[in-house]
Structures are given as C-alpha cells and as structure tokens.
Amino acid sequence: MIKPEDVQVLQELSKVSNLAFKHEVTHYLYFRKKNNAATTVRELKKAGFEVESNLSADRSTWLVLAKHQIGPTEEAIADAVIRMEELAEKHTGQYDGWEAGVVPKQPV
C-alpha cells in the first residue's frame, strides 16, 4: 500500500513530468556502519540498481544512493519503498525516501 506522502510526491511529479515513461528514481538509505552500507550496496547491485555510497554530509553516517528506472505508478513506488525499507532494516539502517527525475511532457 502506498503511503500518503508518496501519493503527494507523485501528484506533484505529474504536474511537470510525463508519467507514461520510465523515470530515474533515486532512493536514500543511511547506515551508521560502513560494513552495513557496503553489504547493502552489494545486494542492490545484484538486484540491478545503480548504486553510490559515500560518507554523509554530517560525516556521522554512510549514505547509499540506489537508482533505477521505473514507471512512476503508485504500485511501482509502493513496491520500491517497501523493498528499500526492508533492506535498510535488515542492515540496521534507515530509509529516507526517494525522488524522481523529470521526463518532459513536451518534446524538447
């Protein structure tokens, strides 16, 4: 089931982006231990995600960015969020949401 805040993001995205096409969606996960971040990175790469991992801006946690191309439907976003939340919990991390790139409504 999709969360109300994700529905709101999709509604805002639909105002500026063509939801009929796949979008690059980036998920944010944070881990206190580098090893937990590294294990998560390996799992995400095996699942086909493009992944980056760096020390976070406050230098107290490790940030894992997981990117993939999906059609931004309520079902697809709900499934992705559940997957990320479960992965973060499995490795004692925290899932901090997602964002999507914009696909122009009109050809440029």
PDB file of N, CA and C in Angstrom:
ATOM      1  N   MET A   1       0.848  -1.185   0.000  1.00  0.00           N
ATOM      2  CA  MET A   1       0.000   0.000   0.000  1.00  0.00           C
ATOM      3  C   MET A   1       0.891   1.245   0.000  1.00  0.00           C
ATOM      4  N   ILE A   2       0.547   2.165  -0.847  1.00  0.00           N
ATOM      5  CA  ILE A   2       1.364   3.379  -0.968  1.00  0.00           C
ATOM      6  C   ILE A   2       1.074   4.333   0.196  1.00  0.00           C
ATOM      7  N   LYS A   3       2.108   5.011   0.622  1.00  0.00           N
ATOM      8  CA  LYS A   3       1.993   5.968   1.722  1.00  0.00           C
ATOM      9  C   LYS A   3       1.444   7.289   1.191  1.00  0.00           C
ATOM     10  N   PRO A   4       0.697   8.019   2.023  1.00  0.00           N
ATOM     11  CA  PRO A   4       0.128   9.301   1.583  1.00  0.00           C
ATOM     12  C   PRO A   4       1.181  10.281   1.078  1.00  0.00           C
ATOM     13  N   GLU A   5       2.357  10.316   1.726  1.00  0.00           N
ATOM     14  CA  GLU A   5       3.391  11.252   1.276  1.00  0.00           C
ATOM     15  C   GLU A   5       3.922  10.882  -0.113  1.00  0.00           C
ATOM     16  N   ASP A   6       3.920   9.590  -0.452  1.00  0.00           N
ATOM     17  CA  ASP A   6       4.364   9.172  -1.779  1.00  0.00           C
ATOM     18  C   ASP A   6       3.317   9.512  -2.835  1.00  0.00           C
ATOM     19  N   VAL A   7       2.045   9.410  -2.474  1.00  0.00           N
ATOM     20  CA  VAL A   7       0.976   9.830  -3.383  1.00  0.00           C
ATOM     21  C   VAL A   7       1.126  11.318  -3.691  1.00  0.00           C
ATOM     22  N   GLN A   8       1.414  12.102  -2.665  1.00  0.00           N
ATOM     23  CA  GLN A   8       1.585  13.543  -2.850  1.00  0.00           C
ATOM     24  C   GLN A   8       2.762  13.843  -3.780  1.00  0.00           C
ATOM     25  N   VAL A   9       3.882  13.135  -3.608  1.00  0.00           N
ATOM     26  CA  VAL A   9       5.037  13.343  -4.485  1.00  0.00           C
ATOM     27  C   VAL A   9       4.666  12.987  -5.928  1.00  0.00           C
ATOM     28  N   LEU A  10       3.954  11.886  -6.114  1.00  0.00           N
ATOM     29  CA  LEU A  10       3.540  11.503  -7.470  1.00  0.00           C
ATOM     30  C   LEU A  10       2.602  12.543  -8.081  1.00  0.00           C
ATOM     31  N   GLN A  11       1.711  13.098  -7.286  1.00  0.00           N
ATOM     32  CA  GLN A  11       0.809  14.137  -7.794  1.00  0.00           C
ATOM     33  C   GLN A  11       1.591  15.372  -8.236  1.00  0.00           C
ATOM     34  N   GLU A  12       2.573  15.773  -7.444  1.00  0.00           N
ATOM     35  CA  GLU A  12       3.405  16.919  -7.811  1.00  0.00           C
ATOM     36  C   GLU A  12       4.233  16.606  -9.059  1.00  0.00           C
ATOM     37  N   LEU A  13       4.780  15.398  -9.111  1.00  0.00           N
ATOM     38  CA  LEU A  13       5.582  14.988 -10.268  1.00  0.00           C
ATOM     39  C   LEU A  13       4.735  15.014 -11.539  1.00  0.00           C
ATOM     40  N   SER A  14       3.482  14.587 -11.438  1.00  0.00           N
ATOM     41  CA  SER A  14       2.609  14.531 -12.617  1.00  0.00           C
ATOM     42  C   SER A  14       2.343  15.916 -13.211  1.00  0.00           C
ATOM     43  N   LYS A  15       2.518  16.956 -12.426  1.00  0.00           N
ATOM     44  CA  LYS A  15       2.299  18.321 -12.917  1.00  0.00           C
ATOM     45  C   LYS A  15       3.398  18.770 -13.882  1.00  0.00           C
ATOM     46  N   VAL A  16       4.588  18.186 -13.745  1.00  0.00           N
ATOM     47  CA  VAL A  16       5.725  18.645 -14.548  1.00  0.00           C
ATOM     48  C   VAL A  16       6.362  17.547 -15.398  1.00  0.00           C
ATOM     49  N   SER A  17       5.903  16.302 -15.219  1.00  0.00           N
ATOM     50  CA  SER A  17       6.585  15.192 -15.863  1.00  0.00           C
ATOM     51  C   SER A  17       5.588  14.246 -16.526  1.00  0.00           C
ATOM     52  N   ASN A  18       6.027  13.588 -17.569  1.00  0.00           N
ATOM     53  CA  ASN A  18       5.196  12.642 -18.303  1.00  0.00           C
ATOM     54  C   ASN A  18       5.307  11.267 -17.637  1.00  0.00           C
ATOM     55  N   LEU A  19       4.322  10.905 -16.831  1.00  0.00           N
ATOM     56  CA  LEU A  19       4.364   9.662 -16.071  1.00  0.00           C
ATOM     57  C   LEU A  19       4.152   8.415 -16.929  1.00  0.00           C
ATOM     58  N   ALA A  20       3.900   8.606 -18.215  1.00  0.00           N
ATOM     59  CA  ALA A  20       3.739   7.457 -19.110  1.00  0.00           C
ATOM     60  C   ALA A  20       5.081   6.793 -19.418  1.00  0.00           C
ATOM     61  N   PHE A  21       6.173   7.483 -19.118  1.00  0.00           N
ATOM     62  CA  PHE A  21       7.514   6.963 -19.402  1.00  0.00           C
ATOM     63  C   PHE A  21       8.245   6.593 -18.116  1.00  0.00           C
ATOM     64  N   LYS A  22       9.244   5.744 -18.263  1.00  0.00           N
ATOM     65  CA  LYS A  22      10.076   5.394 -17.120  1.00  0.00           C
ATOM     66  C   LYS A  22      10.863   6.618 -16.675  1.00  0.00           C
ATOM     67  N   HIS A  23      11.094   6.682 -15.369  1.00  0.00           N
ATOM     68  CA  HIS A  23      11.834   7.777 -14.746  1.00  0.00           C
ATOM     69  C   HIS A  23      12.992   7.197 -13.940  1.00  0.00           C
ATOM     70  N   GLU A  24      14.062   7.971 -13.809  1.00  0.00           N
ATOM     71  CA  GLU A  24      15.112   7.565 -12.894  1.00  0.00           C
ATOM     72  C   GLU A  24      14.653   7.933 -11.483  1.00  0.00           C
ATOM     73  N   VAL A  25      14.560   6.922 -10.633  1.00  0.00           N
ATOM     74  CA  VAL A  25      14.142   7.120  -9.252  1.00  0.00           C
ATOM     75  C   VAL A  25      15.347   6.826  -8.359  1.00  0.00           C
ATOM     76  N   THR A  26      15.627   7.746  -7.450  1.00  0.00           N
ATOM     77  CA  THR A  26      16.754   7.620  -6.525  1.00  0.00           C
ATOM     78  C   THR A  26      16.218   7.451  -5.111  1.00  0.00           C
ATOM     79  N   HIS A  27      16.737   6.426  -4.427  1.00  0.00           N
ATOM     80  CA  HIS A  27      16.352   6.139  -3.046  1.00  0.00           C
ATOM     81  C   HIS A  27      17.524   6.472  -2.132  1.00  0.00           C
ATOM     82  N   TYR A  28      17.215   6.969  -0.941  1.00  0.00           N
ATOM     83  CA  TYR A  28      18.228   7.385   0.034  1.00  0.00           C
ATOM     84  C   TYR A  28      18.185   6.472   1.255  1.00  0.00           C
ATOM     85  N   LEU A  29      19.312   5.820   1.533  1.00  0.00           N
ATOM     86  CA  LEU A  29      19.427   4.954   2.702  1.00  0.00           C
ATOM     87  C   LEU A  29      20.652   5.387   3.506  1.00  0.00           C
ATOM     88  N   TYR A  30      20.541   5.364   4.829  1.00  0.00           N
ATOM     89  CA  TYR A  30      21.633   5.775   5.705  1.00  0.00           C
ATOM     90  C   TYR A  30      21.993   4.637   6.668  1.00  0.00           C
ATOM     91  N   PHE A  31      23.308   4.495   6.913  1.00  0.00           N
ATOM     92  CA  PHE A  31      23.814   3.453   7.799  1.00  0.00           C
ATOM     93  C   PHE A  31      24.887   4.034   8.707  1.00  0.00           C
ATOM     94  N   ARG A  32      24.886   3.612   9.954  1.00  0.00           N
ATOM     95  CA  ARG A  32      25.911   4.077  10.893  1.00  0.00           C
ATOM     96  C   ARG A  32      27.246   3.387  10.648  1.00  0.00           C
ATOM     97  N   LYS A  33      27.191   2.143  10.162  1.00  0.00           N
ATOM     98  CA  LYS A  33      28.424   1.376   9.965  1.00  0.00           C
ATOM     99  C   LYS A  33      28.715   1.198   8.479  1.00  0.00           C
ATOM    100  N   LYS A  34      29.962   1.418   8.123  1.00  0.00           N
ATOM    101  CA  LYS A  34      30.396   1.297   6.727  1.00  0.00           C
ATOM    102  C   LYS A  34      30.148  -0.110   6.199  1.00  0.00           C
ATOM    103  N   ASN A  35      30.376  -1.127   7.037  1.00  0.00           N
ATOM    104  CA  ASN A  35      30.167  -2.511   6.601  1.00  0.00           C
ATOM    105  C   ASN A  35      28.708  -2.774   6.222  1.00  0.00           C
ATOM    106  N   ASN A  36      27.778  -2.211   6.982  1.00  0.00           N
ATOM    107  CA  ASN A  36      26.363  -2.390   6.666  1.00  0.00           C
ATOM    108  C   ASN A  36      26.017  -1.705   5.343  1.00  0.00           C
ATOM    109  N   ALA A  37      26.595  -0.528   5.131  1.00  0.00           N
ATOM    110  CA  ALA A  37      26.381   0.174   3.858  1.00  0.00           C
ATOM    111  C   ALA A  37      26.953  -0.638   2.707  1.00  0.00           C
ATOM    112  N   ALA A  38      28.137  -1.202   2.891  1.00  0.00           N
ATOM    113  CA  ALA A  38      28.786  -1.968   1.834  1.00  0.00           C
ATOM    114  C   ALA A  38      27.991  -3.229   1.489  1.00  0.00           C
ATOM    115  N   THR A  39      27.449  -3.893   2.493  1.00  0.00           N
ATOM    116  CA  THR A  39      26.623  -5.085   2.253  1.00  0.00           C
ATOM    117  C   THR A  39      25.364  -4.702   1.482  1.00  0.00           C
ATOM    118  N   THR A  40      24.778  -3.594   1.844  1.00  0.00           N
ATOM    119  CA  THR A  40      23.580  -3.113   1.152  1.00  0.00           C
ATOM    120  C   THR A  40      23.901  -2.777  -0.294  1.00  0.00           C
ATOM    121  N   VAL A  41      25.024  -2.127  -0.529  1.00  0.00           N
ATOM    122  CA  VAL A  41      25.453  -1.793  -1.888  1.00  0.00           C
ATOM    123  C   VAL A  41      25.555  -3.060  -2.727  1.00  0.00           C
ATOM    124  N   ARG A  42      26.181  -4.094  -2.200  1.00  0.00           N
ATOM    125  CA  ARG A  42      26.326  -5.354  -2.952  1.00  0.00           C
ATOM    126  C   ARG A  42      24.962  -5.950  -3.300  1.00  0.00           C
ATOM    127  N   GLU A  43      24.057  -5.949  -2.340  1.00  0.00           N
ATOM    128  CA  GLU A  43      22.724  -6.503  -2.594  1.00  0.00           C
ATOM    129  C   GLU A  43      21.971  -5.700  -3.653  1.00  0.00           C
ATOM    130  N   LEU A  44      22.068  -4.387  -3.578  1.00  0.00           N
ATOM    131  CA  LEU A  44      21.383  -3.539  -4.550  1.00  0.00           C
ATOM    132  C   LEU A  44      21.962  -3.714  -5.950  1.00  0.00           C
ATOM    133  N   LYS A  45      23.282  -3.820  -6.050  1.00  0.00           N
ATOM    134  CA  LYS A  45      23.906  -4.027  -7.362  1.00  0.00           C
ATOM    135  C   LYS A  45      23.472  -5.352  -7.966  1.00  0.00           C
ATOM    136  N   LYS A  46      23.400  -6.397  -7.144  1.00  0.00           N
ATOM    137  CA  LYS A  46      22.937  -7.704  -7.628  1.00  0.00           C
ATOM    138  C   LYS A  46      21.507  -7.626  -8.149  1.00  0.00           C
ATOM    139  N   ALA A  47      20.720  -6.731  -7.549  1.00  0.00           N
ATOM    140  CA  ALA A  47      19.322  -6.567  -7.956  1.00  0.00           C
ATOM    141  C   ALA A  47      19.166  -5.630  -9.148  1.00  0.00           C
ATOM    142  N   GLY A  48      20.283  -5.105  -9.675  1.00  0.00           N
ATOM    143  CA  GLY A  48      20.229  -4.284 -10.879  1.00  0.00           C
ATOM    144  C   GLY A  48      20.184  -2.781 -10.659  1.00  0.00           C
ATOM    145  N   PHE A  49      20.372  -2.336  -9.437  1.00  0.00           N
ATOM    146  CA  PHE A  49      20.380  -0.901  -9.162  1.00  0.00           C
ATOM    147  C   PHE A  49      21.749  -0.310  -9.471  1.00  0.00           C
ATOM    148  N   GLU A  50      21.756   0.940  -9.874  1.00  0.00           N
ATOM    149  CA  GLU A  50      22.988   1.728  -9.960  1.00  0.00           C
ATOM    150  C   GLU A  50      23.171   2.320  -8.566  1.00  0.00           C
ATOM    151  N   VAL A  51      24.333   2.118  -7.956  1.00  0.00           N
ATOM    152  CA  VAL A  51      24.486   2.452  -6.549  1.00  0.00           C
ATOM    153  C   VAL A  51      25.736   3.293  -6.305  1.00  0.00           C
ATOM    154  N   GLU A  52      25.605   4.275  -5.420  1.00  0.00           N
ATOM    155  CA  GLU A  52      26.733   5.072  -4.935  1.00  0.00           C
ATOM    156  C   GLU A  52      26.704   5.014  -3.412  1.00  0.00           C
ATOM    157  N   SER A  53      27.881   5.057  -2.797  1.00  0.00           N
ATOM    158  CA  SER A  53      27.954   5.094  -1.343  1.00  0.00           C
ATOM    159  C   SER A  53      29.066   6.043  -0.920  1.00  0.00           C
ATOM    160  N   ASN A  54      28.732   6.941  -0.011  1.00  0.00           N
ATOM    161  CA  ASN A  54      29.687   7.931   0.480  1.00  0.00           C
ATOM    162  C   ASN A  54      29.371   8.262   1.931  1.00  0.00           C
ATOM    163  N   LEU A  55      30.333   8.840   2.589  1.00  0.00           N
ATOM    164  CA  LEU A  55      30.097   9.381   3.911  1.00  0.00           C
ATOM    165  C   LEU A  55      29.086  10.516   3.768  1.00  0.00           C
ATOM    166  N   SER A  56      28.105  10.556   4.644  1.00  0.00           N
ATOM    167  CA  SER A  56      27.057  11.571   4.531  1.00  0.00           C
ATOM    168  C   SER A  56      27.608  12.964   4.837  1.00  0.00           C
ATOM    169  N   ALA A  57      26.815  13.975   4.554  1.00  0.00           N
ATOM    170  CA  ALA A  57      27.252  15.371   4.730  1.00  0.00           C
ATOM    171  C   ALA A  57      27.644  15.673   6.171  1.00  0.00           C
ATOM    172  N   ASP A  58      26.940  15.063   7.125  1.00  0.00           N
ATOM    173  CA  ASP A  58      27.291  15.318   8.527  1.00  0.00           C
ATOM    174  C   ASP A  58      28.431  14.426   9.020  1.00  0.00           C
ATOM    175  N   ARG A  59      28.915  13.562   8.143  1.00  0.00           N
ATOM    176  CA  ARG A  59      30.072  12.700   8.386  1.00  0.00           C
ATOM    177  C   ARG A  59      29.871  11.712   9.539  1.00  0.00           C
ATOM    178  N   SER A  60      28.614  11.488   9.933  1.00  0.00           N
ATOM    179  CA  SER A  60      28.349  10.553  11.024  1.00  0.00           C
ATOM    180  C   SER A  60      27.730   9.248  10.539  1.00  0.00           C
ATOM    181  N   THR A  61      27.268   9.237   9.284  1.00  0.00           N
ATOM    182  CA  THR A  61      26.637   8.038   8.714  1.00  0.00           C
ATOM    183  C   THR A  61      27.097   7.859   7.270  1.00  0.00           C
ATOM    184  N   TRP A  62      26.784   6.692   6.726  1.00  0.00           N
ATOM    185  CA  TRP A  62      27.080   6.386   5.327  1.00  0.00           C
ATOM    186  C   TRP A  62      25.798   6.483   4.529  1.00  0.00           C
ATOM    187  N   LEU A  63      25.859   7.218   3.435  1.00  0.00           N
ATOM    188  CA  LEU A  63      24.719   7.392   2.536  1.00  0.00           C
ATOM    189  C   LEU A  63      24.848   6.428   1.379  1.00  0.00           C
ATOM    190  N   VAL A  64      23.782   5.682   1.121  1.00  0.00           N
ATOM    191  CA  VAL A  64      23.713   4.818  -0.050  1.00  0.00           C
ATOM    192  C   VAL A  64      22.614   5.375  -0.948  1.00  0.00           C
ATOM    193  N   LEU A  65      22.978   5.702  -2.191  1.00  0.00           N
ATOM    194  CA  LEU A  65      22.014   6.147  -3.199  1.00  0.00           C
ATOM    195  C   LEU A  65      21.766   4.989  -4.147  1.00  0.00           C
ATOM    196  N   ALA A  66      20.517   4.577  -4.266  1.00  0.00           N
ATOM    197  CA  ALA A  66      20.141   3.466  -5.145  1.00  0.00           C
ATOM    198  C   ALA A  66      19.240   4.010  -6.250  1.00  0.00           C
ATOM    199  N   LYS A  67      19.706   3.880  -7.503  1.00  0.00           N
ATOM    200  CA  LYS A  67      18.952   4.431  -8.638  1.00  0.00           C
ATOM    201  C   LYS A  67      18.468   3.309  -9.534  1.00  0.00           C
ATOM    202  N   HIS A  68      17.246   3.501 -10.056  1.00  0.00           N
ATOM    203  CA  HIS A  68      16.704   2.563 -11.046  1.00  0.00           C
ATOM    204  C   HIS A  68      15.685   3.290 -11.912  1.00  0.00           C
ATOM    205  N   GLN A  69      15.378   2.672 -13.044  1.00  0.00           N
ATOM    206  CA  GLN A  69      14.420   3.219 -13.991  1.00  0.00           C
ATOM    207  C   GLN A  69      13.105   2.462 -13.831  1.00  0.00           C
ATOM    208  N   ILE A  70      12.057   3.183 -13.438  1.00  0.00           N
ATOM    209  CA  ILE A  70      10.739   2.553 -13.310  1.00  0.00           C
ATOM    210  C   ILE A  70       9.661   3.513 -13.781  1.00  0.00           C
ATOM    211  N   GLY A  71       8.529   2.945 -14.147  1.00  0.00           N
ATOM    212  CA  GLY A  71       7.354   3.766 -14.404  1.00  0.00           C
ATOM    213  C   GLY A  71       6.828   4.224 -13.060  1.00  0.00           C
ATOM    214  N   PRO A  72       6.692   5.518 -12.835  1.00  0.00           N
ATOM    215  CA  PRO A  72       6.316   6.013 -11.510  1.00  0.00           C
ATOM    216  C   PRO A  72       4.813   5.874 -11.226  1.00  0.00           C
ATOM    217  N   THR A  73       4.369   4.630 -11.106  1.00  0.00           N
ATOM    218  CA  THR A  73       2.981   4.366 -10.735  1.00  0.00           C
ATOM    219  C   THR A  73       2.910   4.187  -9.217  1.00  0.00           C
ATOM    220  N   GLU A  74       1.712   4.281  -8.672  1.00  0.00           N
ATOM    221  CA  GLU A  74       1.557   4.073  -7.233  1.00  0.00           C
ATOM    222  C   GLU A  74       2.063   2.695  -6.829  1.00  0.00           C
ATOM    223  N   GLU A  75       1.735   1.676  -7.612  1.00  0.00           N
ATOM    224  CA  GLU A  75       2.153   0.314  -7.293  1.00  0.00           C
ATOM    225  C   GLU A  75       3.674   0.159  -7.337  1.00  0.00           C
ATOM    226  N   ALA A  76       4.303   0.694  -8.384  1.00  0.00           N
ATOM    227  CA  ALA A  76       5.755   0.562  -8.531  1.00  0.00           C
ATOM    228  C   ALA A  76       6.489   1.297  -7.407  1.00  0.00           C
ATOM    229  N   ILE A  77       6.020   2.482  -7.062  1.00  0.00           N
ATOM    230  CA  ILE A  77       6.659   3.245  -5.982  1.00  0.00           C
ATOM    231  C   ILE A  77       6.449   2.535  -4.651  1.00  0.00           C
ATOM    232  N   ALA A  78       5.238   2.068  -4.386  1.00  0.00           N
ATOM    233  CA  ALA A  78       4.966   1.355  -3.127  1.00  0.00           C
ATOM    234  C   ALA A  78       5.863   0.132  -3.005  1.00  0.00           C
ATOM    235  N   ASP A  79       6.003  -0.645  -4.078  1.00  0.00           N
ATOM    236  CA  ASP A  79       6.861  -1.840  -4.056  1.00  0.00           C
ATOM    237  C   ASP A  79       8.314  -1.470  -3.795  1.00  0.00           C
ATOM    238  N   ALA A  80       8.789  -0.415  -4.454  1.00  0.00           N
ATOM    239  CA  ALA A  80      10.183   0.006  -4.285  1.00  0.00           C
ATOM    240  C   ALA A  80      10.439   0.502  -2.860  1.00  0.00           C
ATOM    241  N   VAL A  81       9.512   1.263  -2.317  1.00  0.00           N
ATOM    242  CA  VAL A  81       9.670   1.789  -0.956  1.00  0.00           C
ATOM    243  C   VAL A  81       9.702   0.638   0.046  1.00  0.00           C
ATOM    244  N   ILE A  82       8.809  -0.310  -0.096  1.00  0.00           N
ATOM    245  CA  ILE A  82       8.797  -1.467   0.813  1.00  0.00           C
ATOM    246  C   ILE A  82      10.121  -2.214   0.725  1.00  0.00           C
ATOM    247  N   ARG A  83      10.591  -2.420  -0.470  1.00  0.00           N
ATOM    248  CA  ARG A  83      11.869  -3.115  -0.668  1.00  0.00           C
ATOM    249  C   ARG A  83      13.021  -2.374   0.015  1.00  0.00           C
ATOM    250  N   MET A  84      13.069  -1.058  -0.150  1.00  0.00           N
ATOM    251  CA  MET A  84      14.142  -0.268   0.456  1.00  0.00           C
ATOM    252  C   MET A  84      14.033  -0.235   1.975  1.00  0.00           C
ATOM    253  N   GLU A  85      12.822  -0.104   2.484  1.00  0.00           N
ATOM    254  CA  GLU A  85      12.631  -0.113   3.935  1.00  0.00           C
ATOM    255  C   GLU A  85      13.076  -1.440   4.543  1.00  0.00           C
ATOM    256  N   GLU A  86      12.716  -2.533   3.882  1.00  0.00           N
ATOM    257  CA  GLU A  86      13.113  -3.859   4.372  1.00  0.00           C
ATOM    258  C   GLU A  86      14.625  -4.037   4.327  1.00  0.00           C
ATOM    259  N   LEU A  87      15.235  -3.570   3.265  1.00  0.00           N
ATOM    260  CA  LEU A  87      16.692  -3.682   3.129  1.00  0.00           C
ATOM    261  C   LEU A  87      17.399  -2.837   4.190  1.00  0.00           C
ATOM    262  N   ALA A  88      16.929  -1.629   4.409  1.00  0.00           N
ATOM    263  CA  ALA A  88      17.531  -0.768   5.435  1.00  0.00           C
ATOM    264  C   ALA A  88      17.394  -1.414   6.811  1.00  0.00           C
ATOM    265  N   GLU A  89      16.218  -1.921   7.107  1.00  0.00           N
ATOM    266  CA  GLU A  89      16.001  -2.557   8.412  1.00  0.00           C
ATOM    267  C   GLU A  89      16.890  -3.797   8.578  1.00  0.00           C
ATOM    268  N   LYS A  90      16.998  -4.587   7.537  1.00  0.00           N
ATOM    269  CA  LYS A  90      17.824  -5.802   7.571  1.00  0.00           C
ATOM    270  C   LYS A  90      19.272  -5.491   7.953  1.00  0.00           C
ATOM    271  N   HIS A  91      19.769  -4.336   7.520  1.00  0.00           N
ATOM    272  CA  HIS A  91      21.164  -3.967   7.749  1.00  0.00           C
ATOM    273  C   HIS A  91      21.299  -2.819   8.754  1.00  0.00           C
ATOM    274  N   THR A  92      20.325  -2.706   9.631  1.00  0.00           N
ATOM    275  CA  THR A  92      20.283  -1.686  10.686  1.00  0.00           C
ATOM    276  C   THR A  92      20.530  -0.270  10.167  1.00  0.00           C
ATOM    277  N   GLY A  93      19.856   0.042   9.081  1.00  0.00           N
ATOM    278  CA  GLY A  93      19.947   1.379   8.503  1.00  0.00           C
ATOM    279  C   GLY A  93      18.609   2.076   8.554  1.00  0.00           C
ATOM    280  N   GLN A  94      18.530   3.176   7.850  1.00  0.00           N
ATOM    281  CA  GLN A  94      17.307   3.963   7.796  1.00  0.00           C
ATOM    282  C   GLN A  94      17.032   4.356   6.348  1.00  0.00           C
ATOM    283  N   TYR A  95      15.797   4.155   5.911  1.00  0.00           N
ATOM    284  CA  TYR A  95      15.375   4.594   4.588  1.00  0.00           C
ATOM    285  C   TYR A  95      14.825   6.005   4.724  1.00  0.00           C
ATOM    286  N   ASP A  96      15.284   6.911   3.842  1.00  0.00           N
ATOM    287  CA  ASP A  96      14.902   8.316   3.962  1.00  0.00           C
ATOM    288  C   ASP A  96      14.189   8.843   2.723  1.00  0.00           C
ATOM    289  N   GLY A  97      13.532   7.964   1.986  1.00  0.00           N
ATOM    290  CA  GLY A  97      12.697   8.421   0.889  1.00  0.00           C
ATOM    291  C   GLY A  97      13.332   8.356  -0.490  1.00  0.00           C
ATOM    292  N   TRP A  98      12.637   8.947  -1.439  1.00  0.00           N
ATOM    293  CA  TRP A  98      13.016   8.864  -2.840  1.00  0.00           C
ATOM    294  C   TRP A  98      12.710  10.185  -3.544  1.00  0.00           C
ATOM    295  N   GLU A  99      13.308  10.279  -4.731  1.00  0.00           N
ATOM    296  CA  GLU A  99      12.986  11.382  -5.637  1.00  0.00           C
ATOM    297  C   GLU A  99      13.074  10.846  -7.056  1.00  0.00           C
ATOM    298  N   ALA A 100      12.453  11.542  -7.964  1.00  0.00           N
ATOM    299  CA  ALA A 100      12.447  11.106  -9.364  1.00  0.00           C
ATOM    300  C   ALA A 100      12.856  12.240 -10.265  1.00  0.00           C
ATOM    301  N   GLY A 101      13.570  11.884 -11.326  1.00  0.00           N
ATOM    302  CA  GLY A 101      13.899  12.855 -12.362  1.00  0.00           C
ATOM    303  C   GLY A 101      12.646  13.190 -13.143  1.00  0.00           C
ATOM    304  N   VAL A 102      12.711  14.254 -13.901  1.00  0.00           N
ATOM    305  CA  VAL A 102      11.561  14.718 -14.691  1.00  0.00           C
ATOM    306  C   VAL A 102      11.728  14.287 -16.140  1.00  0.00           C
ATOM    307  N   VAL A 103      10.657  13.768 -16.718  1.00  0.00           N
ATOM    308  CA  VAL A 103      10.590  13.467 -18.146  1.00  0.00           C
ATOM    309  C   VAL A 103       9.642  14.505 -18.741  1.00  0.00           C
ATOM    310  N   PRO A 104      10.157  15.387 -19.596  1.00  0.00           N
ATOM    311  CA  PRO A 104       9.328  16.491 -20.102  1.00  0.00           C
ATOM    312  C   PRO A 104       8.037  15.997 -20.746  1.00  0.00           C
ATOM    313  N   LYS A 105       6.970  16.765 -20.531  1.00  0.00           N
ATOM    314  CA  LYS A 105       5.677  16.451 -21.130  1.00  0.00           C
ATOM    315  C   LYS A 105       5.684  16.729 -22.621  1.00  0.00           C
ATOM    316  N   GLN A 106       6.435  17.747 -23.013  1.00  0.00           N
ATOM    317  CA  GLN A 106       6.537  18.120 -24.426  1.00  0.00           C
ATOM    318  C   GLN A 106       7.927  17.794 -24.934  1.00  0.00           C
ATOM    319  N   PRO A 107       8.048  17.318 -26.164  1.00  0.00           N
ATOM    320  CA  PRO A 107       9.392  17.088 -26.709  1.00  0.00           C
ATOM    321  C   PRO A 107      10.197  18.395 -26.725  1.00  0.00           C
ATOM    322  N   VAL A 108      11.484  18.280 -26.441  1.00  0.00           N
ATOM    323  CA  VAL A 108      12.341  19.469 -26.468  1.00  0.00           C
ATOM    324  C   VAL A 108      13.216  19.485 -27.677  1.00  0.00           C
TER     325      VAL A 108
END
